[in-house]
PDB file of N, CA and C in Angstrom:
ATOM      1  N   UNK A   1      98.902 108.308  89.403  1.00  0.00           N
ATOM      2  CA  UNK A   1      98.375 106.968  89.182  1.00  0.00           C
ATOM      3  C   UNK A   1      97.134 106.768  90.048  1.00  0.00           C
ATOM      4  N   UNK A   2      96.045 106.422  89.409  1.00  0.00           N
ATOM      5  CA  UNK A   2      94.839 106.064  90.136  1.00  0.00           C
ATOM      6  C   UNK A   2      95.026 104.627  90.598  1.00  0.00           C
ATOM      7  N   UNK A   3      94.827 104.404  91.884  1.00  0.00           N
ATOM      8  CA  UNK A   3      95.034 103.068  92.422  1.00  0.00           C
ATOM      9  C   UNK A   3      93.846 102.178  92.127  1.00  0.00           C
ATOM     10  N   UNK A   4      94.134 101.058  91.534  1.00  0.00           N
ATOM     11  CA  UNK A   4      93.110 100.056  91.300  1.00  0.00           C
ATOM     12  C   UNK A   4      93.039  99.150  92.522  1.00  0.00           C
ATOM     13  N   UNK A   5      91.983  98.373  92.574  1.00  0.00           N
ATOM     14  CA  UNK A   5      91.750  97.492  93.710  1.00  0.00           C
ATOM     15  C   UNK A   5      92.974  96.635  94.029  1.00  0.00           C
ATOM     16  N   UNK A   6      93.616  96.090  93.007  1.00  0.00           N
ATOM     17  CA  UNK A   6      94.761  95.205  93.261  1.00  0.00           C
ATOM     18  C   UNK A   6      95.914  95.955  93.923  1.00  0.00           C
ATOM     19  N   UNK A   7      96.147  97.190  93.516  1.00  0.00           N
ATOM     20  CA  UNK A   7      97.226  97.972  94.121  1.00  0.00           C
ATOM     21  C   UNK A   7      96.884  98.330  95.567  1.00  0.00           C
ATOM     22  N   UNK A   8      95.611  98.623  95.823  1.00  0.00           N
ATOM     23  CA  UNK A   8      95.197  98.878  97.199  1.00  0.00           C
ATOM     24  C   UNK A   8      95.408  97.632  98.054  1.00  0.00           C
ATOM     25  N   UNK A   9      95.140  96.474  97.475  1.00  0.00           N
ATOM     26  CA  UNK A   9      95.334  95.218  98.207  1.00  0.00           C
ATOM     27  C   UNK A   9      96.808  95.010  98.559  1.00  0.00           C
ATOM     28  N   UNK A  10      97.696  95.354  97.655  1.00  0.00           N
ATOM     29  CA  UNK A  10      99.132  95.252  97.947  1.00  0.00           C
ATOM     30  C   UNK A  10      99.503  96.142  99.123  1.00  0.00           C
ATOM     31  N   UNK A  11      99.032  97.375  99.097  1.00  0.00           N
ATOM     32  CA  UNK A  11      99.361  98.306 100.182  1.00  0.00           C
ATOM     33  C   UNK A  11      98.802  97.812 101.510  1.00  0.00           C
ATOM     34  N   UNK A  12      97.572  97.327 101.510  1.00  0.00           N
ATOM     35  CA  UNK A  12      96.970  96.794 102.731  1.00  0.00           C
ATOM     36  C   UNK A  12      97.763  95.585 103.227  1.00  0.00           C
ATOM     37  N   UNK A  13      98.176  94.730 102.313  1.00  0.00           N
ATOM     38  CA  UNK A  13      98.957  93.543 102.677  1.00  0.00           C
ATOM     39  C   UNK A  13     100.303  93.932 103.269  1.00  0.00           C
ATOM     40  N   UNK A  14     100.964  94.908 102.672  1.00  0.00           N
ATOM     41  CA  UNK A  14     102.257  95.370 103.200  1.00  0.00           C
ATOM     42  C   UNK A  14     102.074  95.917 104.617  1.00  0.00           C
ATOM     43  N   UNK A  15     101.010  96.685 104.839  1.00  0.00           N
ATOM     44  CA  UNK A  15     100.745  97.224 106.174  1.00  0.00           C
ATOM     45  C   UNK A  15     100.510  96.089 107.174  1.00  0.00           C
ATOM     46  N   UNK A  16      99.689  95.119 106.807  1.00  0.00           N
ATOM     47  CA  UNK A  16      99.409  94.004 107.713  1.00  0.00           C
ATOM     48  C   UNK A  16     100.686  93.211 108.006  1.00  0.00           C
ATOM     49  N   UNK A  17     101.484  92.959 106.981  1.00  0.00           N
ATOM     50  CA  UNK A  17     102.739  92.224 107.176  1.00  0.00           C
ATOM     51  C   UNK A  17     103.713  92.998 108.058  1.00  0.00           C
ATOM     52  N   UNK A  18     103.724  94.317 107.911  1.00  0.00           N
ATOM     53  CA  UNK A  18     104.649  95.133 108.709  1.00  0.00           C
ATOM     54  C   UNK A  18     104.293  95.091 110.196  1.00  0.00           C
ATOM     55  N   UNK A  19     103.050  94.744 110.508  1.00  0.00           N
ATOM     56  CA  UNK A  19     102.642  94.594 111.905  1.00  0.00           C
ATOM     57  C   UNK A  19     103.046  93.227 112.459  1.00  0.00           C
ATOM     58  N   UNK A  20     103.265  92.267 111.565  1.00  0.00           N
ATOM     59  CA  UNK A  20     103.617  90.899 111.962  1.00  0.00           C
ATOM     60  C   UNK A  20     105.118  90.633 111.910  1.00  0.00           C
ATOM     61  N   UNK A  21     105.798  91.266 110.964  1.00  0.00           N
ATOM     62  CA  UNK A  21     107.207  90.959 110.692  1.00  0.00           C
ATOM     63  C   UNK A  21     108.104  92.155 110.964  1.00  0.00           C
ATOM     64  N   UNK A  22     109.369  91.881 111.243  1.00  0.00           N
ATOM     65  CA  UNK A  22     110.336  92.949 111.431  1.00  0.00           C
ATOM     66  C   UNK A  22     110.579  93.688 110.121  1.00  0.00           C
ATOM     67  N   UNK A  23     110.687  92.921 109.036  1.00  0.00           N
ATOM     68  CA  UNK A  23     110.923  93.487 107.703  1.00  0.00           C
ATOM     69  C   UNK A  23     110.008  92.794 106.701  1.00  0.00           C
ATOM     70  N   UNK A  24     109.475  93.547 105.776  1.00  0.00           N
ATOM     71  CA  UNK A  24     108.611  92.988 104.738  1.00  0.00           C
ATOM     72  C   UNK A  24     109.429  92.858 103.456  1.00  0.00           C
ATOM     73  N   UNK A  25     109.384  91.651 102.886  1.00  0.00           N
ATOM     74  CA  UNK A  25     110.078  91.389 101.622  1.00  0.00           C
ATOM     75  C   UNK A  25     109.055  90.953 100.580  1.00  0.00           C
ATOM     76  N   UNK A  26     109.451  90.989  99.334  1.00  0.00           N
ATOM     77  CA  UNK A  26     108.557  90.583  98.250  1.00  0.00           C
ATOM     78  C   UNK A  26     108.056  89.159  98.454  1.00  0.00           C
ATOM     79  N   UNK A  27     108.918  88.261  98.918  1.00  0.00           N
ATOM     80  CA  UNK A  27     108.523  86.868  99.119  1.00  0.00           C
ATOM     81  C   UNK A  27     107.422  86.751 100.170  1.00  0.00           C
ATOM     82  N   UNK A  28     107.412  87.648 101.147  1.00  0.00           N
ATOM     83  CA  UNK A  28     106.351  87.652 102.157  1.00  0.00           C
ATOM     84  C   UNK A  28     105.007  87.995 101.511  1.00  0.00           C
ATOM     85  N   UNK A  29     105.039  88.928 100.587  1.00  0.00           N
ATOM     86  CA  UNK A  29     103.826  89.323  99.869  1.00  0.00           C
ATOM     87  C   UNK A  29     103.363  88.174  98.971  1.00  0.00           C
ATOM     88  N   UNK A  30     104.305  87.522  98.297  1.00  0.00           N
ATOM     89  CA  UNK A  30     104.000  86.367  97.447  1.00  0.00           C
ATOM     90  C   UNK A  30     103.244  85.317  98.262  1.00  0.00           C
ATOM     91  N   UNK A  31     103.764  85.002  99.425  1.00  0.00           N
ATOM     92  CA  UNK A  31     103.151  83.968 100.271  1.00  0.00           C
ATOM     93  C   UNK A  31     101.779  84.403 100.796  1.00  0.00           C
ATOM     94  N   UNK A  32     101.667  85.636 101.245  1.00  0.00           N
ATOM     95  CA  UNK A  32     100.419  86.130 101.839  1.00  0.00           C
ATOM     96  C   UNK A  32      99.303  86.230 100.794  1.00  0.00           C
ATOM     97  N   UNK A  33      99.641  86.750  99.625  1.00  0.00           N
ATOM     98  CA  UNK A  33      98.629  86.987  98.605  1.00  0.00           C
ATOM     99  C   UNK A  33      98.461  85.789  97.659  1.00  0.00           C
ATOM    100  N   UNK A  34      99.400  84.868  97.736  1.00  0.00           N
ATOM    101  CA  UNK A  34      99.400  83.689  96.868  1.00  0.00           C
ATOM    102  C   UNK A  34      99.453  84.077  95.392  1.00  0.00           C
ATOM    103  N   UNK A  35     100.322  85.033  95.092  1.00  0.00           N
ATOM    104  CA  UNK A  35     100.583  85.456  93.723  1.00  0.00           C
ATOM    105  C   UNK A  35     101.972  84.984  93.333  1.00  0.00           C
ATOM    106  N   UNK A  36     102.271  85.015  92.041  1.00  0.00           N
ATOM    107  CA  UNK A  36     103.600  84.614  91.582  1.00  0.00           C
ATOM    108  C   UNK A  36     104.612  85.722  91.876  1.00  0.00           C
ATOM    109  N   UNK A  37     105.880  85.333  91.924  1.00  0.00           N
ATOM    110  CA  UNK A  37     106.950  86.317  92.149  1.00  0.00           C
ATOM    111  C   UNK A  37     106.958  87.399  91.071  1.00  0.00           C
ATOM    112  N   UNK A  38     106.843  87.026  89.777  1.00  0.00           N
ATOM    113  CA  UNK A  38     106.838  88.071  88.749  1.00  0.00           C
ATOM    114  C   UNK A  38     105.667  89.055  88.890  1.00  0.00           C
ATOM    115  N   UNK A  39     104.504  88.546  89.253  1.00  0.00           N
ATOM    116  CA  UNK A  39     103.333  89.415  89.430  1.00  0.00           C
ATOM    117  C   UNK A  39     103.578  90.420  90.547  1.00  0.00           C
ATOM    118  N   UNK A  40     104.118  89.962  91.661  1.00  0.00           N
ATOM    119  CA  UNK A  40     104.409  90.839  92.796  1.00  0.00           C
ATOM    120  C   UNK A  40     105.500  91.840  92.421  1.00  0.00           C
ATOM    121  N   UNK A  41     106.513  91.398  91.699  1.00  0.00           N
ATOM    122  CA  UNK A  41     107.599  92.300  91.281  1.00  0.00           C
ATOM    123  C   UNK A  41     107.078  93.440  90.412  1.00  0.00           C
ATOM    124  N   UNK A  42     106.202  93.118  89.484  1.00  0.00           N
ATOM    125  CA  UNK A  42     105.624  94.141  88.603  1.00  0.00           C
ATOM    126  C   UNK A  42     104.809  95.142  89.418  1.00  0.00           C
ATOM    127  N   UNK A  43     103.993  94.633  90.334  1.00  0.00           N
ATOM    128  CA  UNK A  43     103.168  95.516  91.164  1.00  0.00           C
ATOM    129  C   UNK A  43     104.034  96.415  92.034  1.00  0.00           C
ATOM    130  N   UNK A  44     105.066  95.842  92.643  1.00  0.00           N
ATOM    131  CA  UNK A  44     105.956  96.645  93.495  1.00  0.00           C
ATOM    132  C   UNK A  44     106.670  97.722  92.690  1.00  0.00           C
ATOM    133  N   UNK A  45     107.050  97.401  91.474  1.00  0.00           N
ATOM    134  CA  UNK A  45     107.702  98.394  90.614  1.00  0.00           C
ATOM    135  C   UNK A  45     106.758  99.569  90.361  1.00  0.00           C
ATOM    136  N   UNK A  46     105.490  99.265  90.061  1.00  0.00           N
ATOM    137  CA  UNK A  46     104.500 100.324  89.825  1.00  0.00           C
ATOM    138  C   UNK A  46     104.266 101.149  91.086  1.00  0.00           C
ATOM    139  N   UNK A  47     104.174 100.473  92.222  1.00  0.00           N
ATOM    140  CA  UNK A  47     103.956 101.189  93.482  1.00  0.00           C
ATOM    141  C   UNK A  47     105.149 102.065  93.835  1.00  0.00           C
ATOM    142  N   UNK A  48     106.347 101.585  93.540  1.00  0.00           N
ATOM    143  CA  UNK A  48     107.554 102.376  93.811  1.00  0.00           C
ATOM    144  C   UNK A  48     107.617 103.596  92.886  1.00  0.00           C
ATOM    145  N   UNK A  49     107.322 103.386  91.613  1.00  0.00           N
ATOM    146  CA  UNK A  49     107.349 104.490  90.648  1.00  0.00           C
ATOM    147  C   UNK A  49     106.327 105.573  90.988  1.00  0.00           C
ATOM    148  N   UNK A  50     105.251 105.171  91.625  1.00  0.00           N
ATOM    149  CA  UNK A  50     104.193 106.116  92.000  1.00  0.00           C
ATOM    150  C   UNK A  50     104.335 106.628  93.426  1.00  0.00           C
ATOM    151  N   UNK A  51     105.463 106.305  94.067  1.00  0.00           N
ATOM    152  CA  UNK A  51     105.794 106.800  95.405  1.00  0.00           C
ATOM    153  C   UNK A  51     104.852 106.299  96.504  1.00  0.00           C
ATOM    154  N   UNK A  52     104.420 105.055  96.377  1.00  0.00           N
ATOM    155  CA  UNK A  52     103.633 104.435  97.445  1.00  0.00           C
ATOM    156  C   UNK A  52     104.495 103.547  98.336  1.00  0.00           C
ATOM    157  N   UNK A  53     105.608 103.057  97.797  1.00  0.00           N
ATOM    158  CA  UNK A  53     106.535 102.241  98.579  1.00  0.00           C
ATOM    159  C   UNK A  53     107.973 102.630  98.249  1.00  0.00           C
ATOM    160  N   UNK A  54     108.843 102.308  99.183  1.00  0.00           N
ATOM    161  CA  UNK A  54     110.286 102.387  98.966  1.00  0.00           C
ATOM    162  C   UNK A  54     110.849 100.999  99.196  1.00  0.00           C
ATOM    163  N   UNK A  55     111.887 100.670  98.471  1.00  0.00           N
ATOM    164  CA  UNK A  55     112.570  99.393  98.657  1.00  0.00           C
ATOM    165  C   UNK A  55     114.025  99.724  98.935  1.00  0.00           C
ATOM    166  N   UNK A  56     114.505  99.326 100.128  1.00  0.00           N
ATOM    167  CA  UNK A  56     115.866  99.689 100.517  1.00  0.00           C
ATOM    168  C   UNK A  56     116.897  98.722  99.943  1.00  0.00           C
ATOM    169  N   UNK A  57     118.167  98.950 100.285  1.00  0.00           N
ATOM    170  CA  UNK A  57     119.265  98.141  99.750  1.00  0.00           C
ATOM    171  C   UNK A  57     119.196  96.668 100.151  1.00  0.00           C
ATOM    172  N   UNK A  58     118.478  96.377 101.223  1.00  0.00           N
ATOM    173  CA  UNK A  58     118.293  94.988 101.665  1.00  0.00           C
ATOM    174  C   UNK A  58     117.045  94.360 101.059  1.00  0.00           C
ATOM    175  N   UNK A  59     116.401  95.077 100.138  1.00  0.00           N
ATOM    176  CA  UNK A  59     115.151  94.654  99.498  1.00  0.00           C
ATOM    177  C   UNK A  59     113.973  94.586 100.471  1.00  0.00           C
ATOM    178  N   UNK A  60     114.046  95.358 101.551  1.00  0.00           N
ATOM    179  CA  UNK A  60     112.929  95.471 102.468  1.00  0.00           C
ATOM    180  C   UNK A  60     111.985  96.542 101.928  1.00  0.00           C
ATOM    181  N   UNK A  61     110.708  96.267 102.031  1.00  0.00           N
ATOM    182  CA  UNK A  61     109.691  97.152 101.475  1.00  0.00           C
ATOM    183  C   UNK A  61     109.098  98.001 102.587  1.00  0.00           C
ATOM    184  N   UNK A  62     109.029  99.310 102.331  1.00  0.00           N
ATOM    185  CA  UNK A  62     108.489 100.258 103.305  1.00  0.00           C
ATOM    186  C   UNK A  62     107.417 101.096 102.620  1.00  0.00           C
ATOM    187  N   UNK A  63     106.312 101.305 103.297  1.00  0.00           N
ATOM    188  CA  UNK A  63     105.293 102.205 102.779  1.00  0.00           C
ATOM    189  C   UNK A  63     105.773 103.643 102.939  1.00  0.00           C
ATOM    190  N   UNK A  64     105.556 104.449 101.930  1.00  0.00           N
ATOM    191  CA  UNK A  64     105.812 105.883 102.059  1.00  0.00           C
ATOM    192  C   UNK A  64     104.639 106.476 102.839  1.00  0.00           C
ATOM    193  N   UNK A  65     104.725 107.739 103.177  1.00  0.00           N
ATOM    194  CA  UNK A  65     103.598 108.387 103.858  1.00  0.00           C
ATOM    195  C   UNK A  65     102.333 108.264 103.004  1.00  0.00           C
ATOM    196  N   UNK A  66     102.491 108.464 101.720  1.00  0.00           N
ATOM    197  CA  UNK A  66     101.373 108.361 100.778  1.00  0.00           C
ATOM    198  C   UNK A  66     100.804 106.935 100.775  1.00  0.00           C
ATOM    199  N   UNK A  67     101.676 105.939 100.740  1.00  0.00           N
ATOM    200  CA  UNK A  67     101.250 104.543 100.743  1.00  0.00           C
ATOM    201  C   UNK A  67     100.613 104.145 102.060  1.00  0.00           C
ATOM    202  N   UNK A  68     101.168 104.637 103.157  1.00  0.00           N
ATOM    203  CA  UNK A  68     100.638 104.337 104.484  1.00  0.00           C
ATOM    204  C   UNK A  68      99.227 104.894 104.645  1.00  0.00           C
ATOM    205  N   UNK A  69      99.000 106.082 104.135  1.00  0.00           N
ATOM    206  CA  UNK A  69      97.674 106.704 104.222  1.00  0.00           C
ATOM    207  C   UNK A  69      96.624 105.843 103.513  1.00  0.00           C
ATOM    208  N   UNK A  70      96.935 105.392 102.315  1.00  0.00           N
ATOM    209  CA  UNK A  70      96.003 104.543 101.558  1.00  0.00           C
ATOM    210  C   UNK A  70      95.810 103.209 102.273  1.00  0.00           C
ATOM    211  N   UNK A  71      96.901 102.606 102.720  1.00  0.00           N
ATOM    212  CA  UNK A  71      96.830 101.299 103.380  1.00  0.00           C
ATOM    213  C   UNK A  71      95.991 101.359 104.652  1.00  0.00           C
ATOM    214  N   UNK A  72      96.191 102.401 105.451  1.00  0.00           N
ATOM    215  CA  UNK A  72      95.410 102.546 106.686  1.00  0.00           C
ATOM    216  C   UNK A  72      93.924 102.722 106.379  1.00  0.00           C
ATOM    217  N   UNK A  73      93.624 103.481 105.334  1.00  0.00           N
ATOM    218  CA  UNK A  73      92.240 103.710 104.930  1.00  0.00           C
ATOM    219  C   UNK A  73      91.576 102.391 104.515  1.00  0.00           C
ATOM    220  N   UNK A  74      92.251 101.609 103.720  1.00  0.00           N
ATOM    221  CA  UNK A  74      91.702 100.333 103.253  1.00  0.00           C
ATOM    222  C   UNK A  74      91.561  99.360 104.420  1.00  0.00           C
ATOM    223  N   UNK A  75      92.562  99.304 105.283  1.00  0.00           N
ATOM    224  CA  UNK A  75      92.498  98.393 106.431  1.00  0.00           C
ATOM    225  C   UNK A  75      91.358  98.780 107.375  1.00  0.00           C
ATOM    226  N   UNK A  76      91.171 100.084 107.610  1.00  0.00           N
ATOM    227  CA  UNK A  76      90.068 100.522 108.453  1.00  0.00           C
ATOM    228  C   UNK A  76      88.736 100.107 107.842  1.00  0.00           C
ATOM    229  N   UNK A  77      88.586 100.308 106.552  1.00  0.00           N
ATOM    230  CA  UNK A  77      87.345  99.910 105.883  1.00  0.00           C
ATOM    231  C   UNK A  77      87.126  98.409 106.044  1.00  0.00           C
ATOM    232  N   UNK A  78      88.170  97.638 105.862  1.00  0.00           N
ATOM    233  CA  UNK A  78      88.061  96.184 105.986  1.00  0.00           C
ATOM    234  C   UNK A  78      87.586  95.789 107.385  1.00  0.00           C
ATOM    235  N   UNK A  79      88.195  96.377 108.383  1.00  0.00           N
ATOM    236  CA  UNK A  79      87.855  96.031 109.773  1.00  0.00           C
ATOM    237  C   UNK A  79      86.438  96.469 110.140  1.00  0.00           C
ATOM    238  N   UNK A  80      86.065  97.673 109.745  1.00  0.00           N
ATOM    239  CA  UNK A  80      84.729  98.181 110.067  1.00  0.00           C
ATOM    240  C   UNK A  80      83.660  97.392 109.312  1.00  0.00           C
ATOM    241  N   UNK A  81      83.894  97.140 108.036  1.00  0.00           N
ATOM    242  CA  UNK A  81      82.909  96.397 107.252  1.00  0.00           C
ATOM    243  C   UNK A  81      82.765  94.965 107.752  1.00  0.00           C
ATOM    244  N   UNK A  82      83.869  94.345 108.146  1.00  0.00           N
ATOM    245  CA  UNK A  82      83.802  92.997 108.715  1.00  0.00           C
ATOM    246  C   UNK A  82      82.954  93.008 109.975  1.00  0.00           C
ATOM    247  N   UNK A  83      83.191  93.983 110.850  1.00  0.00           N
ATOM    248  CA  UNK A  83      82.421  94.094 112.095  1.00  0.00           C
ATOM    249  C   UNK A  83      80.942  94.325 111.805  1.00  0.00           C
ATOM    250  N   UNK A  84      80.654  95.185 110.838  1.00  0.00           N
ATOM    251  CA  UNK A  84      79.268  95.475 110.474  1.00  0.00           C
ATOM    252  C   UNK A  84      78.567  94.226 109.958  1.00  0.00           C
ATOM    253  N   UNK A  85      79.210  93.523 109.048  1.00  0.00           N
ATOM    254  CA  UNK A  85      78.598  92.324 108.478  1.00  0.00           C
ATOM    255  C   UNK A  85      78.374  91.250 109.539  1.00  0.00           C
ATOM    256  N   UNK A  86      79.307  91.121 110.455  1.00  0.00           N
ATOM    257  CA  UNK A  86      79.135  90.156 111.546  1.00  0.00           C
ATOM    258  C   UNK A  86      77.973  90.573 112.457  1.00  0.00           C
ATOM    259  N   UNK A  87      77.823  91.879 112.658  1.00  0.00           N
ATOM    260  CA  UNK A  87      76.748  92.385 113.518  1.00  0.00           C
ATOM    261  C   UNK A  87      75.376  92.057 112.942  1.00  0.00           C
ATOM    262  N   UNK A  88      75.285  91.974 111.625  1.00  0.00           N
ATOM    263  CA  UNK A  88      73.985  91.656 111.015  1.00  0.00           C
ATOM    264  C   UNK A  88      73.830  90.155 110.769  1.00  0.00           C
ATOM    265  N   UNK A  89      74.784  89.372 111.284  1.00  0.00           N
ATOM    266  CA  UNK A  89      74.609  87.928 111.264  1.00  0.00           C
ATOM    267  C   UNK A  89      75.473  87.129 110.307  1.00  0.00           C
ATOM    268  N   UNK A  90      76.340  87.776 109.569  1.00  0.00           N
ATOM    269  CA  UNK A  90      77.218  87.071 108.635  1.00  0.00           C
ATOM    270  C   UNK A  90      78.342  86.396 109.433  1.00  0.00           C
ATOM    271  N   UNK A  91      78.723  85.185 109.042  1.00  0.00           N
ATOM    272  CA  UNK A  91      79.818  84.485 109.724  1.00  0.00           C
ATOM    273  C   UNK A  91      81.103  85.286 109.576  1.00  0.00           C
ATOM    274  N   UNK A  92      82.024  85.094 110.514  1.00  0.00           N
ATOM    275  CA  UNK A  92      83.283  85.841 110.486  1.00  0.00           C
ATOM    276  C   UNK A  92      84.037  85.593 109.179  1.00  0.00           C
ATOM    277  N   UNK A  93      84.087  84.343 108.741  1.00  0.00           N
ATOM    278  CA  UNK A  93      84.812  84.010 107.508  1.00  0.00           C
ATOM    279  C   UNK A  93      84.221  84.731 106.302  1.00  0.00           C
ATOM    280  N   UNK A  94      82.899  84.671 106.146  1.00  0.00           N
ATOM    281  CA  UNK A  94      82.261  85.337 105.006  1.00  0.00           C
ATOM    282  C   UNK A  94      82.278  86.846 105.147  1.00  0.00           C
ATOM    283  N   UNK A  95      82.160  87.331 106.366  1.00  0.00           N
ATOM    284  CA  UNK A  95      82.215  88.783 106.584  1.00  0.00           C
ATOM    285  C   UNK A  95      83.558  89.337 106.126  1.00  0.00           C
ATOM    286  N   UNK A  96      84.642  88.649 106.461  1.00  0.00           N
ATOM    287  CA  UNK A  96      85.982  89.098 106.052  1.00  0.00           C
ATOM    288  C   UNK A  96      86.132  89.049 104.537  1.00  0.00           C
ATOM    289  N   UNK A  97      85.644  87.988 103.916  1.00  0.00           N
ATOM    290  CA  UNK A  97      85.731  87.868 102.448  1.00  0.00           C
ATOM    291  C   UNK A  97      84.928  88.965 101.762  1.00  0.00           C
ATOM    292  N   UNK A  98      83.694  89.163 102.234  1.00  0.00           N
ATOM    293  CA  UNK A  98      82.838  90.171 101.610  1.00  0.00           C
ATOM    294  C   UNK A  98      83.351  91.586 101.856  1.00  0.00           C
ATOM    295  N   UNK A  99      83.866  91.838 103.049  1.00  0.00           N
ATOM    296  CA  UNK A  99      84.427  93.158 103.360  1.00  0.00           C
ATOM    297  C   UNK A  99      85.564  93.477 102.401  1.00  0.00           C
ATOM    298  N   UNK A 100      86.344  92.471 102.078  1.00  0.00           N
ATOM    299  CA  UNK A 100      87.475  92.645 101.163  1.00  0.00           C
ATOM    300  C   UNK A 100      86.994  93.099  99.787  1.00  0.00           C
ATOM    301  N   UNK A 101      85.844  92.611  99.379  1.00  0.00           N
ATOM    302  CA  UNK A 101      85.289  92.999  98.082  1.00  0.00           C
ATOM    303  C   UNK A 101      84.673  94.395  98.122  1.00  0.00           C
ATOM    304  N   UNK A 102      84.018  94.701  99.225  1.00  0.00           N
ATOM    305  CA  UNK A 102      83.288  95.968  99.350  1.00  0.00           C
ATOM    306  C   UNK A 102      84.225  97.154  99.601  1.00  0.00           C
ATOM    307  N   UNK A 103      85.298  96.923 100.344  1.00  0.00           N
ATOM    308  CA  UNK A 103      86.152  98.019 100.832  1.00  0.00           C
ATOM    309  C   UNK A 103      86.719  98.906  99.734  1.00  0.00           C
ATOM    310  N   UNK A 104      86.810  98.402  98.524  1.00  0.00           N
ATOM    311  CA  UNK A 104      87.414  99.165  97.428  1.00  0.00           C
ATOM    312  C   UNK A 104      86.401 100.016  96.666  1.00  0.00           C
ATOM    313  N   UNK A 105      85.120  99.727  96.858  1.00  0.00           N
ATOM    314  CA  UNK A 105      84.100 100.405  96.062  1.00  0.00           C
ATOM    315  C   UNK A 105      83.122 101.254  96.862  1.00  0.00           C
ATOM    316  N   UNK A 106      83.142 101.125  98.165  1.00  0.00           N
ATOM    317  CA  UNK A 106      82.167 101.819  99.001  1.00  0.00           C
ATOM    318  C   UNK A 106      82.424 103.325  98.978  1.00  0.00           C
ATOM    319  N   UNK A 107      81.340 104.097  98.982  1.00  0.00           N
ATOM    320  CA  UNK A 107      81.505 105.556  99.015  1.00  0.00           C
ATOM    321  C   UNK A 107      81.851 105.998 100.431  1.00  0.00           C
ATOM    322  N   UNK A 108      82.453 107.163 100.528  1.00  0.00           N
ATOM    323  CA  UNK A 108      82.786 107.706 101.853  1.00  0.00           C
ATOM    324  C   UNK A 108      81.531 107.941 102.680  1.00  0.00           C
ATOM    325  N   UNK A 109      80.455 108.389 102.032  1.00  0.00           N
ATOM    326  CA  UNK A 109      79.205 108.638 102.754  1.00  0.00           C
ATOM    327  C   UNK A 109      78.679 107.346 103.384  1.00  0.00           C
ATOM    328  N   UNK A 110      78.614 106.284 102.604  1.00  0.00           N
ATOM    329  CA  UNK A 110      78.111 105.011 103.117  1.00  0.00           C
ATOM    330  C   UNK A 110      79.004 104.486 104.224  1.00  0.00           C
ATOM    331  N   UNK A 111      80.315 104.578 104.017  1.00  0.00           N
ATOM    332  CA  UNK A 111      81.244 104.091 105.032  1.00  0.00           C
ATOM    333  C   UNK A 111      81.081 104.865 106.345  1.00  0.00           C
ATOM    334  N   UNK A 112      80.959 106.178 106.248  1.00  0.00           N
ATOM    335  CA  UNK A 112      80.772 107.012 107.444  1.00  0.00           C
ATOM    336  C   UNK A 112      79.481 106.633 108.164  1.00  0.00           C
ATOM    337  N   UNK A 113      78.415 106.383 107.414  1.00  0.00           N
ATOM    338  CA  UNK A 113      77.145 105.994 108.023  1.00  0.00           C
ATOM    339  C   UNK A 113      77.270 104.628 108.728  1.00  0.00           C
ATOM    340  N   UNK A 114      77.990 103.706 108.137  1.00  0.00           N
ATOM    341  CA  UNK A 114      78.189 102.397 108.761  1.00  0.00           C
ATOM    342  C   UNK A 114      78.976 102.554 110.064  1.00  0.00           C
ATOM    343  N   UNK A 115      80.024 103.377 110.035  1.00  0.00           N
ATOM    344  CA  UNK A 115      80.808 103.619 111.252  1.00  0.00           C
ATOM    345  C   UNK A 115      79.926 104.210 112.348  1.00  0.00           C
ATOM    346  N   UNK A 116      79.096 105.178 111.987  1.00  0.00           N
ATOM    347  CA  UNK A 116      78.212 105.806 112.965  1.00  0.00           C
ATOM    348  C   UNK A 116      77.189 104.803 113.490  1.00  0.00           C
ATOM    349  N   UNK A 117      76.668 103.954 112.631  1.00  0.00           N
ATOM    350  CA  UNK A 117      75.706 102.936 113.042  1.00  0.00           C
ATOM    351  C   UNK A 117      76.340 101.991 114.061  1.00  0.00           C
ATOM    352  N   UNK A 118      77.583 101.598 113.831  1.00  0.00           N
ATOM    353  CA  UNK A 118      78.262 100.682 114.744  1.00  0.00           C
ATOM    354  C   UNK A 118      78.544 101.307 116.110  1.00  0.00           C
ATOM    355  N   UNK A 119      78.639 102.627 116.160  1.00  0.00           N
ATOM    356  CA  UNK A 119      78.895 103.318 117.429  1.00  0.00           C
ATOM    357  C   UNK A 119      77.669 103.316 118.337  1.00  0.00           C
ATOM    358  N   UNK A 120      76.495 103.118 117.747  1.00  0.00           N
ATOM    359  CA  UNK A 120      75.235 103.166 118.523  1.00  0.00           C
ATOM    360  C   UNK A 120      75.039 101.906 119.318  1.00  0.00           C
TER     361      UNK A 120
END
């Protein structure tokens, strides 16, 4: 399964929630992403079928190694792009919003160059 932007957003959200909460449940994702329960259920089913998440007997959601790798990559892009945009004068609020849009489409070359630029 090729991950589309929305699926990457789910994985990133699960990772962020797992840093805040002891256990991540579907309702936590519903609240964070402001999506309907059925929409989140469908997405989680697809992510589970593609081995990006596991859902245990208590309905707690866990990223698989494969899911964690994607989530960490997207979160890193989000954080670096937000920092870059703020460095060039964009407000924190807009930088975070714009980074969210860019993080799914940026090439590895461009992202690497931005990271190197920020190190200087």
